[in-house]
Protein backbone atom coordinates (compact mmCIF):
# COMPACT_ATOMS: atom_id res chain seq x y z
CA MET A 1 121.54 140.97 77.40
CA ASP A 2 118.70 140.58 75.09
CA LEU A 3 116.30 137.75 75.66
CA THR A 4 113.51 136.33 73.55
CA PHE A 5 110.84 133.66 74.29
CA ARG A 6 109.43 130.73 72.20
CA ALA A 7 107.62 127.56 72.67
CA ALA A 8 109.86 124.82 73.44
CA LEU A 9 110.46 122.47 70.66
CA ALA A 10 110.89 118.52 70.63
CA ALA A 11 114.38 118.83 69.29
CA ASP A 12 115.52 121.50 72.05
CA GLU A 13 118.45 120.10 74.36
CA CYS A 14 116.71 120.92 77.61
CA ARG A 15 117.09 117.89 79.70
CA ASP A 16 120.14 118.99 81.89
CA LEU A 17 117.91 122.48 82.56
CA LEU A 18 114.80 120.56 83.49
CA TYR A 19 116.76 118.25 85.91
CA SER A 20 118.38 120.99 87.52
CA SER A 21 114.75 122.22 88.55
CA ALA A 22 114.43 119.51 90.99
CA PRO A 23 117.35 116.78 90.92
CA GLU A 24 116.29 115.09 94.12
CA LEU A 25 112.73 114.55 93.19
CA TYR A 26 113.70 113.46 89.59
CA ASP A 27 116.26 111.02 90.71
CA TYR A 28 113.63 109.68 93.10
CA MET A 29 111.12 109.26 90.40
CA PHE A 30 113.20 108.13 87.33
CA ALA A 31 116.56 106.70 88.23
CA ARG A 32 116.66 103.10 87.88
CA GLY A 33 120.24 100.97 87.57
CA LYS A 34 121.90 102.33 84.63
CA ILE A 35 118.81 104.95 83.55
CA THR A 36 119.36 108.25 84.90
CA ALA A 37 116.63 110.73 85.44
CA GLN A 38 117.84 112.60 82.71
CA ASP A 39 117.57 109.86 80.31
CA TYR A 40 113.93 109.64 81.03
CA ILE A 41 113.46 113.36 81.03
CA ALA A 42 114.87 113.57 77.56
CA HIS A 43 112.41 111.08 76.39
CA GLU A 44 109.24 112.54 77.87
CA PHE A 45 110.43 116.08 76.62
CA ARG A 46 110.93 114.79 73.18
CA SER A 47 107.45 113.19 73.19
CA GLY A 48 105.47 116.24 74.01
CA ALA A 49 103.17 114.61 76.52
CA GLY A 50 103.02 114.60 80.13
CA PHE A 51 104.24 117.19 82.85
CA ILE A 52 107.78 117.17 81.23
CA GLY A 53 106.67 117.41 77.67
CA HIS A 54 107.90 120.31 75.47
CA THR A 55 104.55 121.37 74.48
CA ILE A 56 104.09 123.04 77.85
CA HIS A 57 107.27 124.62 77.98
CA THR A 58 108.64 128.01 77.09
CA ALA A 59 112.39 128.34 76.22
CA ALA A 60 114.50 131.68 77.00
CA ILE A 61 116.93 132.33 74.05
CA ALA A 62 120.09 134.61 74.33
CA ASP A 63 122.74 134.66 71.55
CA GLY A 64 120.64 131.76 69.66
CA GLU A 65 120.95 129.41 72.53
CA ILE A 66 118.42 128.24 75.06
CA VAL A 67 119.46 129.64 78.52
CA GLY A 68 116.33 129.09 80.42
CA VAL A 69 113.28 126.83 80.32
CA GLY A 70 109.95 126.50 82.28
CA ALA A 71 106.74 124.51 82.09
CA PHE A 72 103.41 126.64 82.40
CA TYR A 73 100.11 124.90 82.83
CA THR A 74 96.48 125.25 84.12
CA ARG A 75 94.15 123.29 85.97
CA ASP A 76 92.17 122.13 82.99
CA GLN A 77 95.30 120.63 81.38
CA TYR A 78 96.46 118.66 84.33
CA PRO A 79 94.40 115.38 83.85
CA ALA A 80 95.71 115.11 80.49
CA LEU A 81 99.25 115.61 81.66
CA GLN A 82 98.80 113.02 84.40
CA LEU A 83 97.80 110.67 81.56
CA GLY A 84 100.53 111.46 79.09
CA SER A 85 103.23 111.13 81.80
CA ALA A 86 101.93 107.73 82.70
CA TYR A 87 101.60 106.62 78.92
CA GLU A 88 105.33 107.66 78.45
CA ILE A 89 106.37 105.95 81.56
CA LEU A 90 105.33 102.77 80.36
CA ARG A 91 106.63 103.49 77.06
CA PHE A 92 109.98 104.03 78.43
CA TYR A 93 110.32 101.62 81.16
CA GLY A 94 108.07 98.72 80.14
CA PHE A 95 105.44 97.02 81.86
CA LEU A 96 107.58 95.23 84.65
CA ARG A 97 109.29 98.60 85.86
CA MET A 98 106.01 100.90 85.15
CA SER A 99 104.55 100.15 88.50
CA SER A 100 107.52 100.96 90.54
CA VAL A 101 107.94 104.17 88.80
CA LEU A 102 104.69 105.14 88.96
CA ARG A 103 104.20 104.28 92.65
CA GLN A 104 107.35 106.75 93.26
CA ALA A 105 106.22 109.41 91.01
CA SER A 106 102.69 109.41 92.46
CA HIS A 107 104.67 110.64 95.64
CA ALA A 108 105.32 113.88 93.87
CA GLY A 109 101.65 114.71 94.25
CA SER A 110 102.61 115.41 97.89
CA VAL A 111 104.70 118.55 96.92
CA ILE A 112 103.12 119.32 93.48
CA ARG A 113 99.16 119.22 93.25
CA ARG A 114 96.80 120.11 90.61
CA PRO A 115 96.39 124.00 90.01
CA ARG A 116 93.91 125.81 91.84
CA PRO A 117 91.15 127.23 89.62
CA GLY A 118 92.05 130.50 87.88
CA SER A 119 95.92 130.08 88.14
CA VAL A 120 98.83 129.20 85.95
CA TYR A 121 101.19 126.76 87.73
CA ILE A 122 105.00 127.25 87.03
CA ALA A 123 106.98 123.97 86.97
CA ASN A 124 110.42 122.60 85.59
CA LEU A 125 111.98 126.14 85.86
CA GLY A 126 115.80 125.82 85.11
CA VAL A 127 118.52 128.39 84.00
CA ARG A 128 121.75 127.54 82.60
CA ALA A 129 124.37 127.54 85.29
CA ASP A 130 126.66 130.28 83.71
CA MET A 131 123.44 132.58 83.46
CA ARG A 132 122.18 132.37 86.88
CA GLY A 133 121.85 135.59 88.55
CA HIS A 134 121.43 137.53 85.23
CA GLY A 135 117.36 137.74 85.40
CA VAL A 136 116.79 135.01 83.03
CA GLY A 137 114.23 133.17 85.41
CA SER A 138 112.69 136.60 86.13
CA ALA A 139 112.24 137.54 82.68
CA LEU A 140 110.63 134.23 81.67
CA ILE A 141 108.22 134.38 84.58
CA GLU A 142 107.47 138.01 83.74
CA HIS A 143 106.69 137.02 80.27
CA GLU A 144 104.40 134.27 81.13
CA THR A 145 102.59 136.27 83.80
CA ALA A 146 101.91 138.84 81.27
CA LYS A 147 100.47 136.19 79.00
CA ALA A 148 98.56 134.48 81.57
CA LYS A 149 96.90 137.91 82.61
CA ALA A 150 95.97 138.87 79.21
CA ALA A 151 94.05 135.43 79.07
CA GLY A 152 92.01 136.35 82.38
CA PHE A 153 93.91 134.31 84.88
CA GLU A 154 94.10 135.60 88.47
CA LYS A 155 97.29 133.90 90.04
CA MET A 156 100.79 132.34 89.14
CA ALA A 157 101.50 129.63 91.44
CA LEU A 158 104.64 127.41 92.01
CA ASP A 159 106.11 125.00 94.69
CA VAL A 160 109.78 125.57 95.71
CA ALA A 161 112.24 123.34 97.43
CA ASP A 162 112.63 124.44 101.06
CA ASN A 163 116.23 123.93 100.72
CA ASN A 164 116.47 126.46 97.91
CA PRO A 165 116.54 129.76 99.73
CA ARG A 166 118.12 131.32 96.63
CA ALA A 167 114.90 130.36 94.52
CA GLN A 168 112.79 131.70 97.52
CA ALA A 169 114.26 135.04 97.24
CA LEU A 170 114.00 135.37 93.53
CA TYR A 171 110.06 134.48 93.79
CA ARG A 172 109.55 136.91 96.76
CA ARG A 173 111.27 139.73 94.77
CA LEU A 174 108.73 138.97 92.21
CA GLY A 175 106.10 139.39 94.34
CA PHE A 176 105.17 135.69 95.32
CA THR A 177 103.85 135.28 98.72
CA PHE A 178 104.26 132.21 100.98
CA VAL A 179 101.14 130.03 101.39
CA LYS A 180 102.00 126.64 103.07
CA GLU A 181 104.44 124.17 103.59
CA LYS A 182 104.13 120.83 101.82
CA ARG A 183 105.81 117.58 103.20
CA PHE A 184 107.20 115.16 100.73
CA GLU A 185 105.32 111.81 101.60
CA GLY A 186 108.00 109.53 99.79
CA ARG A 187 110.59 107.60 101.74
CA GLU A 188 112.05 109.25 104.34
CA ASP A 189 115.59 108.31 103.28
CA SER A 190 114.84 109.74 99.68
CA GLY A 191 116.51 113.11 100.10
CA VAL A 192 113.75 114.74 98.65
CA PRO A 193 113.14 117.95 100.15
CA ASN A 194 109.68 119.48 101.39
CA ALA A 195 108.29 122.15 99.37
CA LYS A 196 106.75 125.98 99.92
CA PHE A 197 103.69 126.66 98.05
CA MET A 198 103.62 130.29 96.59
CA GLU A 199 101.43 132.45 94.82
CA LEU A 200 101.28 135.86 92.87
CA SER A 201 97.90 137.98 92.42
CA ILE A 202 97.87 139.08 88.71
CA GLY A 203 94.16 140.07 88.75
CA ALA A 204 92.09 140.23 85.63
CA PRO A 205 93.43 141.98 82.35
């Protein structure tokens, strides 16, 4: 299979791929009544702002179709991404619903924190269901790791749900090592799993 990679575009249809990366967390943050988490994901992705905006995502392409996507960002980008997500939540949900969404979205900070200096953080990594197990996720991470190393970064980092052993095994095969557990601090009945923080040392170029 020949894979190519490019920056994600606002017109790309990626909401289901992004949702698949953390469905419990996305439902907890964004599902409200008839509004699904996918509805909000599509909005923020198109906007280009925030942690789900297309501007920080890379798409993996096979036979002209998007088969995988992931976000890659740094410590310096984090404050602007926070502000971007808050603004898009206000635009999408309106003033009355915004505080509830922001409050629950803030709980994501217990399992997803600002990247450490010198690292590139990986998030929202999703692969099309029929392409899982074919090396798409690995190739996407390796592509971005090469870019990060060339830019002088020292580590790649991510958080993986502790109920996702398949993803954990993938990251270990790529050389990521376990650093620490992170406990989700939202509602106990949320169903959102705790996370394992993992890092890959890539050194200087």
